[in-house]
Amino acid sequence: MPDAVQQTALTDQYEAYPYPPRDPQAEEQALRMPVLDQLSKINHFCFRGRESFSKGFRALIAGGGTGDAAIYLAEQLRETDAEIVYVDLSSTSLEVAKARARVRGLTNIKWLNASLLDLTDLGVGLFDYINCCGVLHHLAEPKTGLRMLRSCLLPAGSIGLMVYGQYGRIGVYQLQDLLRRIGNETDSMQTRVDLAKAILKDLPAGNLFRQGQERIRFKDLDSDIGIYDLLLHSQDRAYTVPQLYELCSACGMTLAGFVDHRAHYSAGTMIKDPGVRERLRQLPYPEQEALAELLWGSHSKHMFYVSQISDSVADPVDRELAPLLQSNYDFGLPDQIRRLMGNVSTGMNINIRNGGEGAVDLALGEYTSRMIAQMNGRMSLNRIFKKIRKDKAFRAAPPTNEELQNEFLRIYRQLHPIDMILLKDPGIPDFMNTEQLQARMISAVANRKAATAP
């Protein structure tokens, strides 16, 4: 499909079916958390754990759709001087996103109705961080899109990307092909959706999409908008892990890390045989991730950060940084782990599970429970180590920094793959979780209404 025709098809689709479907009034009840856009993760993977987001931070949402990323970033950065620039080719999607921002009283978003391919002509300036989720895989030339984004980055800037995963979408592409063959070019969008619904009701048990749906559970089947985006899209492609590394390299960027379901990119969390695990550890890390992808076999999306520098990720050997326990699924989980560890003895194993992220059997060493008890993002590793050395239990033979560093690295290498530990500068204020952000918004909106009441 020629580029101009493709661009028109994309615009027509998202004008008719703004994606994802969102009700602006629902903002009063809940805040949606895009995994890539948690400041704690952006800080860890993109800025070595040392970004405070407090002075002149600029973020671009390239292909912002109905606003999930723009709203979440703007809410987190509400009380700073940060600027979020939203760009999308669909005016309908833009209006939904703007309505959501109005409900929340957010004023730190600049709105542009345009294609990300035209960014250099828009005079938007340079950015510290760019979010581009679910966009590159719909472009005729994804590399052109990524190079355009890179041209809008500051030298140490990073991009959060989401593109489709090949193995989890095999059944999707088979069904897309079926629907293209059975449909007519003159069919309306709604006719195509109705046809897809009829076929979905009668899929045989052996159909790969039906089998995949039982495993992956695509949520897009809940609405006409989602069905069109998933099964009737005019253009999309999917990637394997090696292809993602090639894409980044071709655009002069470094893949800094996968962030959603990280355990599924770590073969060691799936393979228990010590001989196989040791063989895996001998391989380059990108190859380990590629093998994990083949093992898991169900990646329908890849979420990851790319950077213009090779060392954007916080270093667990840096003892000036502070470890932070967190969870994507249950913000109370770190406290539960600390309580659990207080009831078991050194030498035992405890199973730590982070929702859908995976699980590990963490062996409790001599210093494990004391170390984890201090992982609140406010105490540097240096301070944690000093406190443990002064603990009366070790006063007779205090551990060395090297022993404590090895213990921390052992914990980090088990909890990091299941998205349970990050690093940050202890001087940076605590990052608010989604529940806290929503409570702050409700209070701010209530205060605004009270101030304008007659």
Protein backbone atom coordinates (compact mmCIF):
# COMPACT_ATOMS: atom_id res chain seq x y z
CA MET A 1 0.00 0.00 0.00
CA PRO A 2 1.54 3.39 -1.00
CA ASP A 3 2.49 5.67 1.92
CA ALA A 4 -0.15 8.33 1.14
CA VAL A 5 -2.91 5.73 0.84
CA GLN A 6 -1.74 4.06 4.06
CA GLN A 7 -1.76 7.40 5.89
CA THR A 8 -5.31 8.08 4.72
CA ALA A 9 -6.45 4.61 5.77
CA LEU A 10 -4.94 5.09 9.23
CA THR A 11 -6.54 8.50 9.64
CA ASP A 12 -9.95 7.23 8.50
CA GLN A 13 -9.77 4.28 10.89
CA TYR A 14 -8.91 6.29 13.98
CA GLU A 15 -11.39 9.05 13.16
CA ALA A 16 -14.15 6.44 13.04
CA TYR A 17 -12.77 4.21 15.80
CA PRO A 18 -10.62 6.22 18.25
CA TYR A 19 -8.39 3.76 20.06
CA PRO A 20 -8.37 2.60 22.75
CA PRO A 21 -12.03 3.25 23.66
CA ARG A 22 -12.16 5.57 26.68
CA ASP A 23 -14.94 7.39 28.56
CA PRO A 24 -13.66 10.76 29.86
CA GLN A 25 -16.06 10.68 32.81
CA ALA A 26 -14.41 7.46 34.04
CA GLU A 27 -11.42 9.61 35.03
CA GLU A 28 -13.34 10.50 38.19
CA GLN A 29 -13.20 6.86 39.31
CA ALA A 30 -9.85 5.52 38.17
CA LEU A 31 -6.46 6.40 36.69
CA ARG A 32 -5.04 4.05 34.08
CA MET A 33 -1.38 3.14 34.51
CA PRO A 34 0.59 2.51 31.30
CA VAL A 35 3.48 0.33 32.45
CA LEU A 36 6.11 2.18 30.41
CA ASP A 37 5.24 5.56 31.87
CA GLN A 38 5.78 5.05 35.58
CA LEU A 39 8.36 7.66 36.55
CA SER A 40 10.14 5.10 38.74
CA LYS A 41 10.79 2.92 35.67
CA ILE A 42 11.67 5.78 33.34
CA ASN A 43 14.15 6.97 35.97
CA HIS A 44 15.72 3.51 36.40
CA PHE A 45 15.96 2.45 32.75
CA CYS A 46 16.47 5.79 31.02
CA PHE A 47 18.32 8.11 33.41
CA ARG A 48 20.58 5.89 35.55
CA GLY A 49 18.23 6.39 38.48
CA ARG A 50 19.09 10.08 38.81
CA GLU A 51 16.26 12.02 37.12
CA SER A 52 14.10 14.08 39.49
CA PHE A 53 11.63 15.24 36.77
CA SER A 54 11.42 18.52 38.70
CA LYS A 55 13.09 21.05 36.39
CA GLY A 56 12.13 21.61 32.78
CA PHE A 57 11.41 17.98 31.94
CA ARG A 58 9.84 17.58 28.49
CA ALA A 59 7.97 14.51 27.25
CA LEU A 60 6.51 13.81 23.81
CA ILE A 61 3.61 11.42 23.31
CA ALA A 62 3.98 10.40 19.67
CA GLY A 63 0.73 8.82 18.48
CA GLY A 64 -1.11 9.55 21.73
CA GLY A 65 -4.45 7.98 20.78
CA THR A 66 -7.16 8.61 23.35
CA GLY A 67 -4.63 9.72 25.92
CA ASP A 68 -3.54 6.98 28.33
CA ALA A 69 0.17 7.89 28.31
CA ALA A 70 -0.37 11.66 28.17
CA ILE A 71 -2.83 11.60 31.06
CA TYR A 72 -0.67 9.36 33.26
CA LEU A 73 2.53 11.34 32.68
CA ALA A 74 0.73 14.66 33.14
CA GLU A 75 -0.83 13.43 36.39
CA GLN A 76 2.52 12.32 37.78
CA LEU A 77 4.12 15.62 36.74
CA ARG A 78 1.18 17.80 37.80
CA GLU A 79 3.14 19.71 40.45
CA THR A 80 6.27 20.34 38.36
CA ASP A 81 7.08 22.66 35.45
CA ALA A 82 7.23 19.71 33.04
CA GLU A 83 5.65 19.96 29.60
CA ILE A 84 3.94 17.07 27.82
CA VAL A 85 3.40 17.41 24.07
CA TYR A 86 0.73 15.13 22.60
CA VAL A 87 0.70 14.41 18.86
CA ASP A 88 -1.85 12.27 17.00
CA LEU A 89 -3.22 12.21 13.45
CA SER A 90 -6.80 11.56 14.62
CA SER A 91 -8.78 14.63 15.69
CA THR A 92 -11.41 12.35 17.23
CA SER A 93 -8.85 10.63 19.43
CA LEU A 94 -7.36 13.99 20.36
CA GLU A 95 -10.75 15.30 21.53
CA VAL A 96 -11.26 12.24 23.74
CA ALA A 97 -7.82 12.75 25.29
CA LYS A 98 -8.46 16.48 25.83
CA ALA A 99 -11.80 15.73 27.49
CA ARG A 100 -10.06 13.33 29.89
CA ALA A 101 -7.51 16.02 30.75
CA ARG A 102 -10.28 18.55 31.41
CA VAL A 103 -11.98 16.19 33.85
CA ARG A 104 -8.70 15.94 35.73
CA GLY A 105 -7.90 19.64 35.58
CA LEU A 106 -4.58 18.97 33.82
CA THR A 107 -3.05 22.00 32.14
CA ASN A 108 0.48 20.74 31.39
CA ILE A 109 -0.29 19.11 28.01
CA LYS A 110 0.16 20.78 24.61
CA TRP A 111 -2.11 19.27 21.95
CA LEU A 112 -1.13 18.79 18.29
CA ASN A 113 -3.24 17.12 15.60
CA ALA A 114 -0.54 15.79 13.26
CA SER A 115 1.46 12.72 12.24
CA LEU A 116 4.67 11.83 14.07
CA LEU A 117 6.29 11.67 10.63
CA ASP A 118 5.89 15.47 10.45
CA LEU A 119 7.51 16.25 13.80
CA THR A 120 10.51 18.10 12.37
CA ASP A 121 8.12 20.46 10.54
CA LEU A 122 6.14 21.20 13.70
CA GLY A 123 8.93 22.94 15.59
CA VAL A 124 8.28 20.96 18.76
CA GLY A 125 11.85 21.14 20.03
CA LEU A 126 13.81 18.41 21.81
CA PHE A 127 12.62 16.07 24.54
CA ASP A 128 14.00 14.16 27.51
CA TYR A 129 11.56 11.30 27.00
CA ILE A 130 9.27 10.13 24.20
CA ASN A 131 6.42 7.66 24.50
CA CYS A 132 5.47 5.86 21.28
CA CYS A 133 3.20 2.92 22.02
CA GLY A 134 1.43 0.90 19.37
CA VAL A 135 2.47 3.19 16.52
CA LEU A 136 5.67 2.11 14.77
CA HIS A 137 4.24 -1.26 13.77
CA HIS A 138 1.48 0.53 11.83
CA LEU A 139 3.88 2.57 9.72
CA ALA A 140 4.91 1.59 6.21
CA GLU A 141 8.54 2.15 7.28
CA PRO A 142 8.96 1.72 11.06
CA LYS A 143 12.65 2.63 10.87
CA THR A 144 11.72 6.00 9.36
CA GLY A 145 9.39 6.60 12.29
CA LEU A 146 12.00 5.67 14.90
CA ARG A 147 14.64 7.84 13.24
CA MET A 148 12.18 10.74 13.29
CA LEU A 149 11.65 10.22 17.02
CA ARG A 150 15.39 10.06 17.62
CA SER A 151 15.80 13.41 15.86
CA CYS A 152 13.53 14.93 18.54
CA LEU A 153 15.54 13.57 21.50
CA LEU A 154 18.04 15.37 23.66
CA PRO A 155 21.48 13.67 23.58
CA ALA A 156 20.79 11.62 26.74
CA GLY A 157 17.10 11.14 26.00
CA SER A 158 15.20 7.87 25.79
CA ILE A 159 12.08 6.45 24.18
CA GLY A 160 9.48 4.08 25.57
CA LEU A 161 8.19 1.82 22.80
CA MET A 162 5.51 -0.81 22.39
CA VAL A 163 5.34 -2.94 19.26
CA TYR A 164 3.62 -6.22 18.53
CA GLY A 165 5.27 -9.55 19.27
CA GLN A 166 5.37 -12.12 16.48
CA TYR A 167 4.79 -15.39 18.32
CA GLY A 168 1.78 -14.30 20.35
CA ARG A 169 0.00 -12.94 17.28
CA ILE A 170 0.28 -15.87 14.89
CA GLY A 171 -3.45 -16.57 15.21
CA VAL A 172 -4.24 -12.86 14.84
CA TYR A 173 -2.56 -12.71 11.44
CA GLN A 174 -4.28 -15.87 10.26
CA LEU A 175 -7.65 -14.36 11.17
CA GLN A 176 -6.72 -11.04 9.56
CA ASP A 177 -5.94 -12.90 6.35
CA LEU A 178 -9.25 -14.78 6.51
CA LEU A 179 -11.21 -11.54 6.99
CA ARG A 180 -9.41 -9.83 4.10
CA ARG A 181 -10.26 -12.75 1.82
CA ILE A 182 -13.92 -12.95 2.79
CA GLY A 183 -14.56 -9.20 2.81
CA ASN A 184 -15.12 -6.80 -0.06
CA GLU A 185 -13.32 -3.53 -0.68
CA THR A 186 -16.68 -1.76 -0.75
CA ASP A 187 -17.69 -2.99 2.72
CA SER A 188 -18.09 -0.28 5.34
CA MET A 189 -16.01 -0.44 8.52
CA GLN A 190 -19.06 -1.50 10.52
CA THR A 191 -19.89 -4.24 8.01
CA ARG A 192 -16.35 -5.59 8.42
CA VAL A 193 -16.71 -5.55 12.22
CA ASP A 194 -20.04 -7.35 12.04
CA LEU A 195 -18.52 -9.97 9.75
CA ALA A 196 -15.63 -10.47 12.18
CA LYS A 197 -18.07 -10.92 15.08
CA ALA A 198 -20.01 -13.55 13.16
CA ILE A 199 -16.85 -15.52 12.36
CA LEU A 200 -15.51 -15.23 15.92
CA LYS A 201 -18.66 -16.96 17.23
CA ASP A 202 -18.00 -20.06 15.12
CA LEU A 203 -14.24 -20.51 15.25
CA PRO A 204 -13.35 -24.25 15.38
CA ALA A 205 -11.52 -25.54 18.44
CA GLY A 206 -8.33 -26.04 16.44
CA ASN A 207 -8.20 -22.46 15.16
CA LEU A 208 -4.96 -20.81 16.28
CA PHE A 209 -6.64 -17.51 17.16
CA ARG A 210 -9.13 -19.31 19.38
CA GLN A 211 -6.34 -21.25 21.05
CA GLY A 212 -4.30 -18.09 21.45
CA GLN A 213 -7.26 -16.21 22.88
CA GLU A 214 -7.57 -18.79 25.63
CA ARG A 215 -3.89 -18.19 26.52
CA ILE A 216 -3.34 -14.48 25.79
CA ARG A 217 -6.91 -13.15 26.22
CA PHE A 218 -6.91 -10.16 23.87
CA LYS A 219 -9.09 -7.53 25.57
CA ASP A 220 -9.77 -5.78 22.27
CA LEU A 221 -12.64 -8.16 21.51
CA ASP A 222 -14.77 -6.28 24.06
CA SER A 223 -15.66 -3.46 21.64
CA ASP A 224 -16.12 -2.69 17.93
CA ILE A 225 -13.18 -0.30 18.17
CA GLY A 226 -10.96 -3.02 19.58
CA ILE A 227 -12.08 -5.65 17.07
CA TYR A 228 -11.28 -3.34 14.17
CA ASP A 229 -7.86 -2.46 15.58
CA LEU A 230 -6.95 -6.09 16.28
CA LEU A 231 -8.38 -7.95 13.30
CA LEU A 232 -9.13 -5.43 10.54
CA HIS A 233 -6.26 -2.99 10.70
CA SER A 234 -5.02 -1.80 7.32
CA GLN A 235 -1.41 -2.43 8.27
CA ASP A 236 0.57 -3.87 11.14
CA ARG A 237 3.63 -6.00 11.58
CA ALA A 238 5.16 -7.84 14.52
CA TYR A 239 8.70 -8.34 15.82
CA THR A 240 10.86 -10.97 17.46
CA VAL A 241 13.47 -9.99 20.04
CA PRO A 242 16.39 -10.22 17.54
CA GLN A 243 14.45 -8.04 15.11
CA LEU A 244 13.99 -5.41 17.82
CA TYR A 245 17.71 -5.30 18.47
CA GLU A 246 18.28 -4.92 14.72
CA LEU A 247 15.68 -2.11 14.53
CA CYS A 248 17.35 -0.21 17.37
CA SER A 249 20.84 -0.68 15.95
CA ALA A 250 19.75 0.46 12.50
CA CYS A 251 18.42 3.67 14.04
CA GLY A 252 21.54 4.31 16.12
CA MET A 253 19.94 3.45 19.45
CA THR A 254 20.46 0.98 22.29
CA LEU A 255 17.75 -1.30 23.66
CA ALA A 256 17.91 -0.47 27.37
CA GLY A 257 15.47 -3.05 28.71
CA PHE A 258 12.10 -4.77 28.45
CA VAL A 259 9.72 -3.65 31.16
CA ASP A 260 6.41 -5.50 30.99
CA HIS A 261 6.45 -9.15 32.11
CA ARG A 262 10.24 -9.01 32.38
CA ALA A 263 10.26 -12.57 33.70
CA HIS A 264 9.15 -13.73 30.25
CA TYR A 265 12.38 -12.34 28.80
CA SER A 266 14.50 -14.22 31.34
CA ALA A 267 14.97 -17.89 30.50
CA GLY A 268 16.36 -18.45 33.99
CA THR A 269 12.93 -17.82 35.53
CA MET A 270 11.46 -20.63 33.41
CA ILE A 271 14.27 -23.21 33.22
CA LYS A 272 15.13 -24.89 36.53
CA ASP A 273 17.74 -27.41 35.37
CA PRO A 274 21.09 -26.06 36.67
CA GLY A 275 23.05 -27.36 33.68
CA VAL A 276 20.78 -25.64 31.16
CA ARG A 277 20.70 -22.44 33.23
CA GLU A 278 24.49 -22.35 33.31
CA ARG A 279 24.60 -22.85 29.54
CA LEU A 280 22.17 -19.96 29.12
CA ARG A 281 24.28 -17.70 31.34
CA GLN A 282 27.24 -18.15 28.98
CA LEU A 283 25.34 -16.55 26.11
CA PRO A 284 25.20 -12.81 25.28
CA TYR A 285 22.24 -11.22 27.05
CA PRO A 286 20.27 -10.40 23.87
CA GLU A 287 20.51 -14.08 22.89
CA GLN A 288 19.27 -15.09 26.36
CA GLU A 289 16.24 -12.84 25.81
CA ALA A 290 15.66 -14.32 22.35
CA LEU A 291 15.69 -17.84 23.80
CA ALA A 292 13.32 -16.78 26.59
CA GLU A 293 10.94 -15.44 23.95
CA LEU A 294 10.98 -18.82 22.21
CA LEU A 295 10.46 -20.61 25.53
CA TRP A 296 7.51 -18.46 26.59
CA GLY A 297 6.05 -18.45 23.11
CA SER A 298 3.19 -16.01 23.83
CA HIS A 299 4.58 -12.48 23.59
CA SER A 300 1.86 -10.53 21.82
CA LYS A 301 3.48 -7.18 22.66
CA HIS A 302 6.97 -5.97 23.45
CA MET A 303 7.36 -2.98 25.78
CA PHE A 304 10.87 -1.60 26.12
CA TYR A 305 13.05 1.48 26.38
CA VAL A 306 15.66 2.60 23.87
CA SER A 307 18.31 5.21 24.50
CA GLN A 308 20.88 7.25 22.64
CA ILE A 309 23.49 6.28 25.23
CA SER A 310 24.73 2.80 26.08
CA ASP A 311 24.56 3.11 29.88
CA SER A 312 21.15 4.65 30.59
CA VAL A 313 20.13 1.91 33.06
CA ALA A 314 20.79 2.31 36.79
CA ASP A 315 23.77 0.19 37.87
CA PRO A 316 23.17 -2.18 40.81
CA VAL A 317 26.87 -1.89 41.67
CA ASP A 318 26.46 1.87 42.28
CA ARG A 319 26.24 2.07 46.07
CA GLU A 320 25.09 5.71 46.02
CA LEU A 321 21.73 4.56 44.64
CA ALA A 322 18.81 3.41 46.76
CA PRO A 323 16.91 0.18 46.02
CA LEU A 324 13.14 0.48 45.79
CA LEU A 325 10.75 -2.46 46.13
CA GLN A 326 7.65 -2.10 44.03
CA SER A 327 4.97 -4.10 42.24
CA ASN A 328 3.01 -3.54 39.04
CA TYR A 329 -0.03 -5.25 40.48
CA ASP A 330 -0.25 -4.67 44.21
CA PHE A 331 1.35 -1.66 45.83
CA GLY A 332 1.10 -3.40 49.22
CA LEU A 333 3.21 -6.37 48.10
CA PRO A 334 6.62 -5.05 49.29
CA ASP A 335 5.28 -4.72 52.86
CA GLN A 336 3.83 -8.22 52.64
CA ILE A 337 7.23 -9.57 51.63
CA ARG A 338 8.93 -7.82 54.54
CA ARG A 339 6.43 -9.29 56.99
CA LEU A 340 6.82 -12.76 55.48
CA MET A 341 10.60 -12.60 55.72
CA GLY A 342 10.38 -11.75 59.39
CA ASN A 343 8.75 -15.13 60.09
CA VAL A 344 11.29 -17.43 58.46
CA SER A 345 14.85 -18.41 59.17
CA THR A 346 18.15 -18.00 57.34
CA GLY A 347 18.67 -20.80 54.85
CA MET A 348 14.97 -21.14 54.00
CA ASN A 349 13.38 -20.24 50.67
CA ILE A 350 10.32 -18.04 50.24
CA ASN A 351 8.31 -17.89 47.04
CA ILE A 352 7.81 -14.34 45.83
CA ARG A 353 5.15 -13.82 43.18
CA ASN A 354 4.43 -10.49 41.51
CA GLY A 355 1.02 -10.88 39.91
CA GLY A 356 1.45 -11.90 36.30
CA GLU A 357 5.13 -10.98 36.27
CA GLY A 358 6.42 -14.33 37.49
CA ALA A 359 7.78 -15.84 40.67
CA VAL A 360 11.11 -16.70 42.27
CA ASP A 361 12.17 -18.84 45.20
CA LEU A 362 14.37 -16.41 47.11
CA ALA A 363 16.88 -18.15 49.39
CA LEU A 364 17.28 -16.22 52.63
CA GLY A 365 20.90 -15.50 53.38
CA GLU A 366 22.32 -14.11 56.59
CA TYR A 367 21.65 -10.49 55.58
CA THR A 368 18.64 -10.85 53.23
CA SER A 369 15.78 -9.85 55.52
CA ARG A 370 17.65 -6.88 57.01
CA MET A 371 18.59 -5.65 53.56
CA ILE A 372 15.10 -5.95 52.09
CA ALA A 373 13.63 -4.20 55.14
CA GLN A 374 15.53 -1.03 54.11
CA MET A 375 14.62 -1.05 50.40
CA ASN A 376 12.34 1.98 50.44
CA GLY A 377 14.05 4.17 47.84
CA ARG A 378 15.32 6.56 50.53
CA MET A 379 18.38 4.71 51.83
CA SER A 380 21.42 4.31 49.61
CA LEU A 381 23.19 0.98 49.48
CA ASN A 382 26.08 2.60 51.35
CA ARG A 383 23.73 3.54 54.20
CA ILE A 384 22.05 0.13 54.18
CA PHE A 385 25.41 -1.64 54.35
CA LYS A 386 26.57 0.64 57.20
CA LYS A 387 23.38 -0.03 59.16
CA ILE A 388 23.73 -3.80 58.76
CA ARG A 389 27.37 -3.71 59.86
CA LYS A 390 26.29 -1.90 63.03
CA ASP A 391 23.50 -4.41 63.75
CA LYS A 392 24.13 -6.01 67.13
CA ALA A 393 23.70 -9.47 65.57
CA PHE A 394 26.89 -8.90 63.54
CA ARG A 395 28.89 -6.73 65.89
CA ALA A 396 31.39 -9.47 66.70
CA ALA A 397 32.14 -10.14 63.02
CA PRO A 398 30.62 -7.41 60.83
CA PRO A 399 30.30 -8.27 57.12
CA THR A 400 32.50 -6.53 54.58
CA ASN A 401 31.13 -4.23 51.91
CA GLU A 402 32.04 -6.89 49.35
CA GLU A 403 29.96 -9.53 51.16
CA LEU A 404 27.00 -7.17 51.41
CA GLN A 405 27.37 -6.13 47.77
CA ASN A 406 27.31 -9.76 46.68
CA GLU A 407 24.20 -10.37 48.78
CA PHE A 408 22.45 -7.36 47.28
CA LEU A 409 23.34 -8.43 43.73
CA ARG A 410 21.96 -11.90 44.45
CA ILE A 411 18.65 -10.38 45.61
CA TYR A 412 18.59 -7.87 42.73
CA ARG A 413 19.19 -10.52 40.06
CA GLN A 414 16.22 -12.51 41.36
CA LEU A 415 13.72 -9.71 41.98
CA HIS A 416 14.55 -7.44 39.02
CA PRO A 417 13.36 -9.95 36.37
CA ILE A 418 9.93 -10.08 38.05
CA ASP A 419 9.65 -6.27 38.15
CA MET A 420 10.01 -6.00 41.90
CA ILE A 421 13.09 -3.86 42.42
CA LEU A 422 14.37 -0.62 40.90
CA LEU A 423 17.09 1.87 41.80
CA LYS A 424 16.92 5.63 42.36
CA ASP A 425 18.89 8.50 43.80
CA PRO A 426 17.83 8.66 47.47
CA GLY A 427 17.56 12.45 47.22
CA ILE A 428 14.72 12.21 44.71
CA PRO A 429 11.30 12.42 46.40
CA ASP A 430 9.23 9.24 46.52
CA PHE A 431 7.31 8.42 43.36
CA MET A 432 3.56 8.37 43.95
CA ASN A 433 1.68 5.20 43.07
CA THR A 434 -1.52 5.18 41.02
CA GLU A 435 -3.81 5.13 44.04
CA GLN A 436 -2.05 8.15 45.54
CA LEU A 437 -2.14 10.02 42.23
CA GLN A 438 -5.88 9.45 41.89
CA ALA A 439 -6.52 10.63 45.44
CA ARG A 440 -4.49 13.80 44.76
CA MET A 441 -6.47 14.45 41.57
CA ILE A 442 -9.81 14.07 43.32
CA SER A 443 -8.68 16.51 45.99
CA ALA A 444 -7.39 19.01 43.40
CA VAL A 445 -10.62 18.88 41.39
CA ALA A 446 -12.72 19.29 44.55
CA ASN A 447 -10.66 22.32 45.59
CA ARG A 448 -11.01 23.84 42.15
CA LYS A 449 -14.78 23.43 42.15
CA ALA A 450 -15.03 24.89 45.64
CA ALA A 451 -12.97 27.90 44.61
CA THR A 452 -15.21 28.65 41.62
CA ALA A 453 -18.53 27.98 43.37
CA PRO A 454 -20.84 31.00 43.71
